[in-house]
Structures are given as structure tokens and as C-alpha cells.
Amino acid sequence: MIYQGNAITVARGDDDVATLTFDLQGESVNKLSSAVISELDEAVKAIQADKGLKGLMLISAKEAFIVGADITEFQSMFGKGAEFLESMLHRVHGIFNAIEDLPFPTVTAINGLALGGGCEMLLTTDFRVMSDKAQIGLPETQLGILPGWGGCVRLPRLIGADNAIEWIAGGTQNKASAALKVGAVDAVVPAEQLEEAARDILARAIAGELDYRARREEKHRPLTLNPIEQMMAFETAKGYVAGKAGPHYPAPVEAIKVIQKGAGEERARAQAIEAKAFAKLAMTDVAFNLVGLFMNDQVVKKKGGQYEKQARPVKQAAVLGAGIMGGGIAYQSASKGTPILMKDIKDDAIELGLKEARKLFAKQGERKKLTTEQMAEKLTHIRPTLSYGDFGHVDLVVEAVV
């Protein structure tokens, strides 16, 4: 064993390849808290000190790879000021750069969600193999900030400025097929073949069949864009994104500016630009409030999950009051396949409720989420009534309040 921590272990195999495993004890998912980052620092130093290694593979022992940084730490860190944040970011950059600069090839096996800092982590390795069920992305702009651990630097150099802008400014969560199409990963395989495929790519790089040094050079050097290409990639994108995001959400446009400013720079300077912009955004009320909303949303989801475990099965629902609200409630129930009675004292209210439910199902059809047959079948789960006598046994009654 090269290194053993609470979240990270590094083991050396008989083939002299080190396997770094993320497995945060006591948690259902891996996340990059301050403590985990400190462990990663120690683990990387242990790898650097271990002589004779030929390669490194990053894997996760959990269903997700790494869901991102520990957001519960954000508000307290943001409160320490821009100087502290820049210092922290430069420290993480140093750790991630050390992985990228190891004297042998590296690969990440992406088995599940790899978001935010988790996605930035996998960008440090020379190669990436992804399960066909996994997803990756950089959603930081949805929290009022931007990727601060190298995402704004490495991703454009890997997949091109236009694709990187779409991923980062949009905060999208991207499926394996989309990641492979733009070159964010090198291969997509079924989950059961993931580790084998990652080891195969690493073995080929060790044997000299794959040039891992050329891969690194792409991430170190400036983007190769002429002035016209830069204008098309950045200025057009800034105008479009600003129109979509509006004046109260500066992070998406700021992310594009960071990519643009760093485009002509080497890695170190581009990362410094990224760190400075992150710290600036983190000091805003927008970031503070969006992080707060996210944390509250997580609390609600957790409590909802607890209540769901305690709830009895609902085989028949009912909504008292039709109209637009009642129709929306009926739609939600029917879309899950649960029959629902829609009760009102007026025929026109019943008709309005049915119209609303039809409209919502039609939208699902327009988005190709449902076929015409599926929409018709789900609508049969809604039964309008003017009488309480039709209720019979109902497991759940919801009142539509106007």
C-alpha cells in the first residue's frame, strides 16, 4: 500500500501501476472536502516518492465517481475573503498539476457522476474511459461561480473553446455519448468492462503505442485560435449567453471571459486568471444566495426521501378542485401511473382541469418524452367527477386551493 487515508487509498499492483481509489468513508458519495483535498495532496506526494511506478489509474469505489466539492463548506470559505480563496485555489491547482505532470501515463475510469471538482479532477489525467451510464459536467455557474480548479483552462484545450463554453456557461450534465463525441473522453464502455478498458489504454501508453506526452502538451499550451476564430468563439457567445442569463446572473458570461483571457496563456497564467475570477464571483450576493438555495434544496430532498420511505403505497388518488391547479395535480399523478379522481362542483372547472392535463402531456409529446399512445394511456388515469359518491377507497386526497 502506497497510501491509506479516510477517503483515498493508493495501491501498487504487480504491473507497477498504482491505483488511486476514492472511497470517502461514512458517506454515500465521494466529494472533495477540504479534508479530502489534504489527503489527495498527501497521496500524490506518496506516489511521487514511490520509485519505479509505470502508470496511475484513478477509480471510485462508490456508484458515483466524485459529485464535486463539498458545497456545505462554500459559504464559510467565501466569508474568508478573496485573498484566502485565491490562495486555496492555487493550492488545489498545485495538487492537480502534480497529477498531470507525473513522469508516467495516467488514466481515469469514470464509473458514475463526475461533476464540478470531480470533473476537473479527471481532466488532469492523460486519458479518460467512461461507463456508458456515467455523466460528467461543470455545473458551477448554476451556483453563481465558475470552475476554479482548472476546468476553465483544461476543458477548452481538450474539446475546443466552443464546446467548453457550452458545457461551462450552460452548467450542463453530459452523457457519455456526448462526452465521447466532443473528445472529453477517449472511450465509452459498459460498466462491467470499465476498469479493464482503462487498464488497456494505460498499458498501451506505457508500451509507447499512445503518446501521453502529446496529450499533456495540448493542455499546457495556449489555445490555437486566430483573431477571427477568437471573435467567433467568444464575442458571439458572450452576447448570446448574456441574453439568456440576464443581468442578475453574471457567472456564465464571466466564465466565457476567463476562457477568453486564458486562451493565449500557458497553464500557470491561465489558472491564475481563473482563480482571480472565481474569488471575485464568490464574493457576490448572487453566489451566496444560490449556494444557500442549493443547500436548502438538498435538505428538502433528503427529508422528502425519508418521508417517502415511511409512506404507504398510493393506488388511488383524488384531487378536490379542478381548474388549472387541479389539472396540474392530476397530471402529476397520472404521469406516474397512479389513477386519480378530479372532483369539482362545476362542469367548466372539470373541463379546464382536463384541458390543463392534456396540455402538459402534449408538451411531453413535443419533447419526445412520450408517444401519442403513451399520452392517451396516461390520460385514462384521470377520471373527472361531480360526485363524492364516486370516491370509494382513496389512499391520498389533495386539495387544489385557488
Protein backbone atom coordinates (compact mmCIF):
# COMPACT_ATOMS: atom_id res chain seq x y z
CA MET A 1 0.00 0.00 0.00
CA ILE A 2 1.45 3.35 -1.07
CA TYR A 3 -1.07 5.48 0.83
CA GLN A 4 -4.06 4.88 3.13
CA GLY A 5 -6.47 7.63 4.19
CA ASN A 6 -10.09 8.08 5.17
CA ALA A 7 -11.17 8.87 1.62
CA ILE A 8 -8.25 7.84 -0.58
CA THR A 9 -6.10 4.74 -0.91
CA VAL A 10 -3.23 4.14 -3.32
CA ALA A 11 -2.13 0.58 -4.03
CA ARG A 12 0.69 -0.68 -6.23
CA GLY A 13 -0.07 -3.63 -8.49
CA ASP A 14 2.23 -6.38 -9.72
CA ASP A 15 2.48 -4.49 -13.02
CA ASP A 16 3.91 -1.44 -11.19
CA VAL A 17 0.75 0.54 -11.90
CA ALA A 18 -0.66 2.50 -8.97
CA THR A 19 -4.43 2.59 -8.43
CA LEU A 20 -5.78 5.61 -6.56
CA THR A 21 -9.25 4.83 -5.22
CA PHE A 22 -11.74 7.42 -3.98
CA ASP A 23 -13.95 5.93 -1.26
CA LEU A 24 -15.00 8.50 1.35
CA GLN A 25 -15.81 6.56 4.50
CA GLY A 26 -19.14 7.22 6.19
CA GLU A 27 -20.61 8.90 3.09
CA SER A 28 -22.75 7.56 0.26
CA VAL A 29 -20.85 9.62 -2.34
CA ASN A 30 -17.34 10.92 -2.89
CA LYS A 31 -16.90 14.68 -2.52
CA LEU A 32 -13.83 16.88 -2.41
CA SER A 33 -13.97 18.49 1.02
CA SER A 34 -11.00 20.35 2.49
CA ALA A 35 -10.02 17.18 4.35
CA VAL A 36 -10.17 15.08 1.16
CA ILE A 37 -8.08 17.64 -0.73
CA SER A 38 -5.46 17.40 2.03
CA GLU A 39 -5.48 13.62 1.68
CA LEU A 40 -5.12 13.95 -2.08
CA ASP A 41 -2.07 16.14 -1.55
CA GLU A 42 -0.51 13.50 0.71
CA ALA A 43 -1.43 10.71 -1.70
CA VAL A 44 0.14 12.47 -4.70
CA LYS A 45 3.34 13.12 -2.74
CA ALA A 46 3.45 9.43 -1.79
CA ILE A 47 3.05 8.49 -5.46
CA GLN A 48 5.84 10.88 -6.46
CA ALA A 49 8.12 9.34 -3.84
CA ASP A 50 7.44 5.73 -4.88
CA LYS A 51 10.17 4.80 -7.36
CA GLY A 52 9.61 2.53 -10.30
CA LEU A 53 5.94 3.22 -10.93
CA LYS A 54 4.91 2.95 -14.57
CA GLY A 55 1.38 4.36 -14.51
CA LEU A 56 -1.55 5.64 -12.44
CA MET A 57 -5.28 4.88 -12.63
CA LEU A 58 -7.95 6.86 -10.79
CA ILE A 59 -11.11 4.95 -9.82
CA SER A 60 -14.05 5.20 -7.42
CA ALA A 61 -15.37 2.51 -5.10
CA LYS A 62 -18.81 4.17 -4.99
CA GLU A 63 -21.61 4.38 -7.56
CA ALA A 64 -20.57 7.92 -8.45
CA PHE A 65 -17.01 8.93 -9.29
CA ILE A 66 -16.92 12.30 -7.46
CA VAL A 67 -20.00 14.51 -7.22
CA GLY A 68 -17.92 17.66 -6.76
CA ALA A 69 -16.56 19.85 -3.99
CA ASP A 70 -18.22 19.82 -0.57
CA ILE A 71 -20.76 22.61 -1.05
CA THR A 72 -21.51 22.74 2.70
CA GLU A 73 -18.09 24.39 3.10
CA PHE A 74 -18.66 27.08 0.46
CA GLN A 75 -20.33 29.84 2.43
CA SER A 76 -17.84 29.68 5.29
CA MET A 77 -14.94 29.70 2.81
CA PHE A 78 -16.44 32.56 0.82
CA GLY A 79 -16.69 34.51 4.06
CA LYS A 80 -12.90 34.39 4.47
CA GLY A 81 -12.38 36.76 1.56
CA ALA A 82 -10.91 36.82 -1.93
CA GLU A 83 -7.27 36.54 -0.80
CA PHE A 84 -7.99 33.31 1.10
CA LEU A 85 -9.93 31.87 -1.83
CA GLU A 86 -7.18 32.62 -4.35
CA SER A 87 -4.63 31.00 -2.05
CA MET A 88 -6.82 27.91 -1.64
CA LEU A 89 -7.37 27.65 -5.39
CA HIS A 90 -3.65 27.95 -6.13
CA ARG A 91 -3.01 25.12 -3.65
CA VAL A 92 -5.52 22.85 -5.42
CA HIS A 93 -4.07 23.84 -8.79
CA GLY A 94 -0.67 22.71 -7.48
CA ILE A 95 -2.05 19.29 -6.46
CA PHE A 96 -3.91 18.79 -9.74
CA ASN A 97 -0.88 19.94 -11.75
CA ALA A 98 1.28 17.42 -9.88
CA ILE A 99 -1.03 14.63 -11.09
CA GLU A 100 -0.91 15.99 -14.62
CA ASP A 101 2.90 16.19 -14.52
CA LEU A 102 3.67 12.70 -13.15
CA PRO A 103 6.55 11.02 -15.07
CA PHE A 104 4.32 8.25 -16.42
CA PRO A 105 0.90 7.97 -18.14
CA THR A 106 -2.34 8.35 -16.21
CA VAL A 107 -5.98 7.36 -16.80
CA THR A 108 -9.34 7.88 -15.07
CA ALA A 109 -12.07 5.23 -15.04
CA ILE A 110 -15.33 7.22 -14.78
CA ASN A 111 -17.96 4.89 -13.37
CA GLY A 112 -20.72 7.35 -12.45
CA LEU A 113 -21.41 11.04 -11.90
CA ALA A 114 -18.30 13.22 -12.15
CA LEU A 115 -19.35 16.81 -11.56
CA GLY A 116 -17.66 20.08 -10.65
CA GLY A 117 -14.38 19.37 -8.91
CA GLY A 118 -14.80 15.69 -9.76
CA CYS A 119 -14.87 16.55 -13.46
CA GLU A 120 -11.90 18.90 -13.04
CA MET A 121 -10.04 16.05 -11.35
CA LEU A 122 -10.45 13.66 -14.27
CA LEU A 123 -9.30 16.35 -16.71
CA THR A 124 -5.84 16.15 -15.12
CA THR A 125 -5.16 12.64 -16.38
CA ASP A 126 -3.86 11.84 -19.84
CA PHE A 127 -6.72 9.51 -20.76
CA ARG A 128 -10.34 9.03 -19.69
CA VAL A 129 -12.55 5.97 -20.06
CA MET A 130 -16.24 6.35 -19.25
CA SER A 131 -19.03 3.97 -18.37
CA ASP A 132 -21.96 4.24 -20.77
CA LYS A 133 -24.17 5.08 -17.78
CA ALA A 134 -21.92 7.84 -16.39
CA GLN A 135 -22.30 11.60 -16.78
CA ILE A 136 -19.81 14.43 -16.43
CA GLY A 137 -20.11 18.21 -16.25
CA LEU A 138 -19.17 21.51 -14.67
CA PRO A 139 -22.34 22.97 -13.09
CA GLU A 140 -20.62 25.72 -11.09
CA THR A 141 -22.26 28.61 -12.97
CA GLN A 142 -25.61 27.44 -11.57
CA LEU A 143 -24.20 28.32 -8.14
CA GLY A 144 -23.07 31.78 -9.23
CA ILE A 145 -19.40 30.84 -9.54
CA LEU A 146 -17.24 29.19 -12.21
CA PRO A 147 -14.95 26.14 -12.33
CA GLY A 148 -11.96 27.15 -10.21
CA TRP A 149 -9.81 24.02 -10.14
CA GLY A 150 -8.65 24.15 -13.75
CA GLY A 151 -11.90 23.49 -15.58
CA CYS A 152 -11.82 26.79 -17.48
CA VAL A 153 -8.25 26.02 -18.55
CA ARG A 154 -8.16 22.31 -19.35
CA LEU A 155 -11.59 21.72 -20.88
CA PRO A 156 -11.25 24.27 -23.76
CA ARG A 157 -7.87 22.76 -24.65
CA LEU A 158 -9.37 19.28 -24.73
CA ILE A 159 -12.69 19.81 -26.54
CA GLY A 160 -12.32 23.26 -28.12
CA ALA A 161 -13.44 26.66 -26.91
CA ASP A 162 -16.94 26.49 -28.40
CA ASN A 163 -17.78 23.14 -26.80
CA ALA A 164 -16.23 24.17 -23.49
CA ILE A 165 -18.25 27.38 -23.43
CA GLU A 166 -21.45 25.40 -23.99
CA TRP A 167 -20.61 22.99 -21.16
CA ILE A 168 -19.38 25.57 -18.66
CA ALA A 169 -21.73 28.51 -19.31
CA GLY A 170 -24.69 26.15 -19.51
CA GLY A 171 -23.67 24.14 -16.46
CA THR A 172 -24.77 21.02 -18.31
CA GLN A 173 -24.59 17.42 -17.13
CA ASN A 174 -23.39 15.45 -20.15
CA LYS A 175 -23.96 11.83 -21.08
CA ALA A 176 -21.15 9.51 -22.12
CA SER A 177 -22.07 9.64 -25.82
CA ALA A 178 -21.89 13.46 -25.82
CA ALA A 179 -18.57 13.42 -23.96
CA LEU A 180 -17.07 10.99 -26.46
CA LYS A 181 -18.36 12.98 -29.44
CA VAL A 182 -16.51 16.17 -28.41
CA GLY A 183 -13.38 14.37 -27.21
CA ALA A 184 -13.76 14.86 -23.47
CA VAL A 185 -13.20 11.11 -23.03
CA ASP A 186 -11.30 8.57 -25.07
CA ALA A 187 -13.63 5.59 -24.83
CA VAL A 188 -17.10 4.61 -23.61
CA VAL A 189 -17.71 1.04 -22.49
CA PRO A 190 -20.28 -0.93 -20.46
CA ALA A 191 -19.80 -0.54 -16.72
CA GLU A 192 -18.56 -4.11 -16.25
CA GLN A 193 -15.73 -3.51 -18.75
CA LEU A 194 -14.67 -0.11 -17.41
CA GLU A 195 -11.60 -1.00 -15.36
CA GLU A 196 -10.35 -3.47 -17.95
CA ALA A 197 -10.63 -0.86 -20.70
CA ALA A 198 -8.87 1.78 -18.60
CA ARG A 199 -6.02 -0.62 -17.84
CA ASP A 200 -5.73 -1.49 -21.53
CA ILE A 201 -5.33 2.17 -22.54
CA LEU A 202 -2.77 2.67 -19.78
CA ALA A 203 -0.82 -0.41 -20.86
CA ARG A 204 -0.73 0.85 -24.45
CA ALA A 205 0.54 4.23 -23.28
CA ILE A 206 3.23 2.56 -21.14
CA ALA A 207 4.27 0.46 -24.16
CA GLY A 208 4.58 3.60 -26.29
CA GLU A 209 1.62 2.89 -28.56
CA LEU A 210 -0.19 6.01 -27.28
CA ASP A 211 1.64 9.33 -26.88
CA TYR A 212 0.60 10.58 -23.44
CA ARG A 213 3.14 13.41 -23.51
CA ALA A 214 1.45 14.91 -26.58
CA ARG A 215 -1.85 14.80 -24.67
CA ARG A 216 -0.32 16.83 -21.87
CA GLU A 217 1.19 19.33 -24.22
CA GLU A 218 -2.30 20.15 -25.53
CA LYS A 219 -3.39 21.13 -22.01
CA HIS A 220 -0.26 23.16 -21.25
CA ARG A 221 -0.06 25.38 -24.28
CA PRO A 222 -2.30 28.29 -25.38
CA LEU A 223 -5.37 27.63 -27.48
CA THR A 224 -4.62 27.72 -31.20
CA LEU A 225 -7.20 30.27 -32.34
CA ASN A 226 -6.62 33.09 -34.82
CA PRO A 227 -8.25 36.50 -34.16
CA ILE A 228 -11.31 35.73 -36.30
CA GLU A 229 -11.83 32.38 -34.59
CA GLN A 230 -11.48 34.04 -31.20
CA MET A 231 -14.10 36.64 -32.10
CA MET A 232 -16.50 33.98 -33.33
CA ALA A 233 -15.95 31.74 -30.31
CA PHE A 234 -16.02 34.35 -27.56
CA GLU A 235 -17.75 37.58 -28.58
CA THR A 236 -20.72 35.85 -30.19
CA ALA A 237 -21.03 33.50 -27.21
CA LYS A 238 -20.93 36.34 -24.69
CA GLY A 239 -23.79 38.14 -26.41
CA TYR A 240 -25.92 35.02 -26.66
CA VAL A 241 -25.26 33.83 -23.09
CA ALA A 242 -25.80 37.31 -21.62
CA GLY A 243 -29.22 37.42 -23.27
CA LYS A 244 -30.14 34.01 -21.87
CA ALA A 245 -28.74 34.51 -18.35
CA GLY A 246 -29.91 38.08 -17.83
CA PRO A 247 -28.22 40.82 -15.78
CA HIS A 248 -28.63 39.12 -12.39
CA TYR A 249 -26.58 36.00 -13.16
CA PRO A 250 -23.06 37.13 -14.09
CA ALA A 251 -21.26 33.77 -13.74
CA PRO A 252 -21.92 32.31 -17.24
CA VAL A 253 -20.58 35.40 -19.04
CA GLU A 254 -17.68 35.73 -16.58
CA ALA A 255 -16.73 32.11 -17.32
CA ILE A 256 -16.52 32.91 -21.04
CA LYS A 257 -14.32 35.93 -20.27
CA VAL A 258 -12.00 33.73 -18.21
CA ILE A 259 -11.67 31.20 -21.04
CA GLN A 260 -11.02 34.07 -23.45
CA LYS A 261 -8.40 35.77 -21.27
CA GLY A 262 -6.62 32.48 -20.64
CA ALA A 263 -6.78 31.32 -24.26
CA GLY A 264 -3.45 32.85 -25.21
CA GLU A 265 -1.66 31.91 -21.99
CA GLU A 266 0.33 28.94 -20.72
CA ARG A 267 -1.18 26.79 -17.96
CA ALA A 268 0.10 28.70 -14.91
CA ARG A 269 -1.04 32.13 -16.10
CA ALA A 270 -4.41 30.83 -17.31
CA GLN A 271 -5.02 29.20 -13.92
CA ALA A 272 -4.17 32.45 -12.13
CA ILE A 273 -6.80 34.24 -14.27
CA GLU A 274 -9.33 31.55 -13.39
CA ALA A 275 -8.60 31.76 -9.63
CA LYS A 276 -8.96 35.53 -9.57
CA ALA A 277 -12.32 35.43 -11.36
CA PHE A 278 -13.62 32.66 -9.08
CA ALA A 279 -12.76 34.68 -5.97
CA LYS A 280 -14.47 37.75 -7.43
CA LEU A 281 -17.71 35.86 -8.12
CA ALA A 282 -17.65 34.09 -4.76
CA MET A 283 -17.81 37.48 -3.03
CA THR A 284 -21.14 38.36 -4.66
CA ASP A 285 -24.58 38.08 -3.07
CA VAL A 286 -25.67 36.06 -6.11
CA ALA A 287 -23.22 33.26 -5.31
CA PHE A 288 -24.01 33.32 -1.59
CA ASN A 289 -27.75 33.09 -2.22
CA LEU A 290 -27.56 30.44 -4.96
CA VAL A 291 -25.37 28.23 -2.78
CA GLY A 292 -27.88 28.73 0.05
CA LEU A 293 -30.77 27.75 -2.23
CA PHE A 294 -28.92 24.65 -3.35
CA MET A 295 -28.21 23.57 0.22
CA ASN A 296 -31.83 24.13 1.25
CA ASP A 297 -32.98 22.16 -1.77
CA GLN A 298 -30.76 19.26 -0.69
CA VAL A 299 -32.27 19.36 2.79
CA VAL A 300 -35.79 19.24 1.33
CA LYS A 301 -34.86 16.30 -0.93
CA LYS A 302 -33.34 14.43 2.00
CA LYS A 303 -36.41 14.95 4.16
CA GLY A 304 -38.65 14.04 1.24
CA GLY A 305 -36.74 10.81 0.81
CA GLN A 306 -37.21 9.99 4.49
CA TYR A 307 -40.94 10.64 4.29
CA GLU A 308 -41.17 8.58 1.11
CA LYS A 309 -39.77 5.55 2.92
CA GLN A 310 -42.46 5.91 5.60
CA ALA A 311 -45.35 6.49 3.17
CA ARG A 312 -47.95 3.88 2.31
CA PRO A 313 -48.36 2.88 -1.35
CA VAL A 314 -50.86 5.09 -3.22
CA LYS A 315 -53.07 3.05 -5.53
CA GLN A 316 -55.84 5.64 -5.89
CA ALA A 317 -55.55 9.42 -5.51
CA ALA A 318 -58.09 12.23 -5.61
CA VAL A 319 -57.91 15.99 -6.05
CA LEU A 320 -60.63 18.26 -4.67
CA GLY A 321 -61.00 21.20 -7.03
CA ALA A 322 -60.27 21.10 -10.73
CA GLY A 323 -59.29 24.07 -12.87
CA ILE A 324 -55.67 24.73 -13.82
CA MET A 325 -54.22 23.75 -10.43
CA GLY A 326 -56.33 20.60 -10.12
CA GLY A 327 -55.42 19.65 -13.68
CA GLY A 328 -51.74 20.05 -12.89
CA ILE A 329 -52.06 17.81 -9.82
CA ALA A 330 -54.00 15.24 -11.81
CA TYR A 331 -51.31 15.32 -14.50
CA GLN A 332 -48.55 14.65 -11.95
CA SER A 333 -50.42 11.66 -10.56
CA ALA A 334 -51.36 10.24 -13.94
CA SER A 335 -47.83 10.70 -15.31
CA LYS A 336 -46.62 8.36 -12.54
CA GLY A 337 -49.29 5.83 -13.44
CA THR A 338 -51.44 6.44 -10.35
CA PRO A 339 -55.20 6.71 -11.07
CA ILE A 340 -56.72 9.96 -9.80
CA LEU A 341 -60.26 11.30 -9.39
CA MET A 342 -60.68 15.00 -10.17
CA LYS A 343 -63.66 16.39 -8.18
CA ASP A 344 -65.34 19.74 -8.68
CA ILE A 345 -68.86 21.14 -8.41
CA LYS A 346 -68.73 22.85 -11.82
CA ASP A 347 -68.54 21.28 -15.26
CA ASP A 348 -66.47 24.14 -16.68
CA ALA A 349 -63.86 23.70 -13.92
CA ILE A 350 -63.63 19.99 -14.72
CA GLU A 351 -63.18 20.80 -18.41
CA LEU A 352 -60.47 23.36 -17.59
CA GLY A 353 -58.64 20.78 -15.46
CA LEU A 354 -58.73 18.19 -18.22
CA LYS A 355 -57.54 20.78 -20.73
CA GLU A 356 -54.57 21.63 -18.48
CA ALA A 357 -53.63 17.97 -18.08
CA ARG A 358 -53.85 17.44 -21.85
CA LYS A 359 -51.65 20.49 -22.45
CA LEU A 360 -48.97 19.22 -20.05
CA PHE A 361 -48.95 15.78 -21.64
CA ALA A 362 -48.77 17.40 -25.09
CA LYS A 363 -45.59 19.22 -24.03
CA GLN A 364 -44.07 15.87 -23.07
CA GLY A 365 -45.00 14.64 -26.52
CA GLU A 366 -43.38 17.65 -28.22
CA ARG A 367 -40.16 16.91 -26.29
CA LYS A 368 -40.30 13.30 -27.48
CA LYS A 369 -40.62 12.12 -23.87
CA LEU A 370 -43.93 10.37 -24.64
CA THR A 371 -45.54 8.86 -27.73
CA THR A 372 -49.14 9.64 -28.71
CA GLU A 373 -50.17 6.22 -27.45
CA GLN A 374 -48.43 6.75 -24.11
CA MET A 375 -50.12 10.15 -23.65
CA ALA A 376 -53.53 8.66 -24.37
CA GLU A 377 -52.90 5.81 -21.94
CA LYS A 378 -51.81 8.14 -19.14
CA LEU A 379 -54.83 10.41 -19.64
CA THR A 380 -57.08 7.44 -18.90
CA HIS A 381 -55.73 7.56 -15.32
CA ILE A 382 -57.64 10.85 -14.79
CA ARG A 383 -61.35 10.41 -14.02
CA PRO A 384 -63.45 13.57 -13.57
CA THR A 385 -66.41 13.52 -11.22
CA LEU A 386 -69.02 15.88 -9.79
CA SER A 387 -69.98 13.46 -7.02
CA TYR A 388 -68.31 12.38 -3.78
CA GLY A 389 -70.06 9.06 -4.18
CA ASP A 390 -67.54 8.04 -6.84
CA PHE A 391 -64.64 8.23 -4.43
CA GLY A 392 -64.77 4.75 -2.88
CA HIS A 393 -61.35 3.84 -1.40
CA VAL A 394 -58.85 6.66 -1.90
CA ASP A 395 -55.29 6.49 -0.48
CA LEU A 396 -54.42 10.17 -0.98
CA VAL A 397 -56.59 13.31 -1.23
CA VAL A 398 -55.10 16.62 -2.35
CA GLU A 399 -57.00 19.90 -2.18
CA ALA A 400 -56.38 22.32 -5.05
CA VAL A 401 -56.53 25.73 -3.38
CA VAL A 402 -57.03 28.77 -5.59
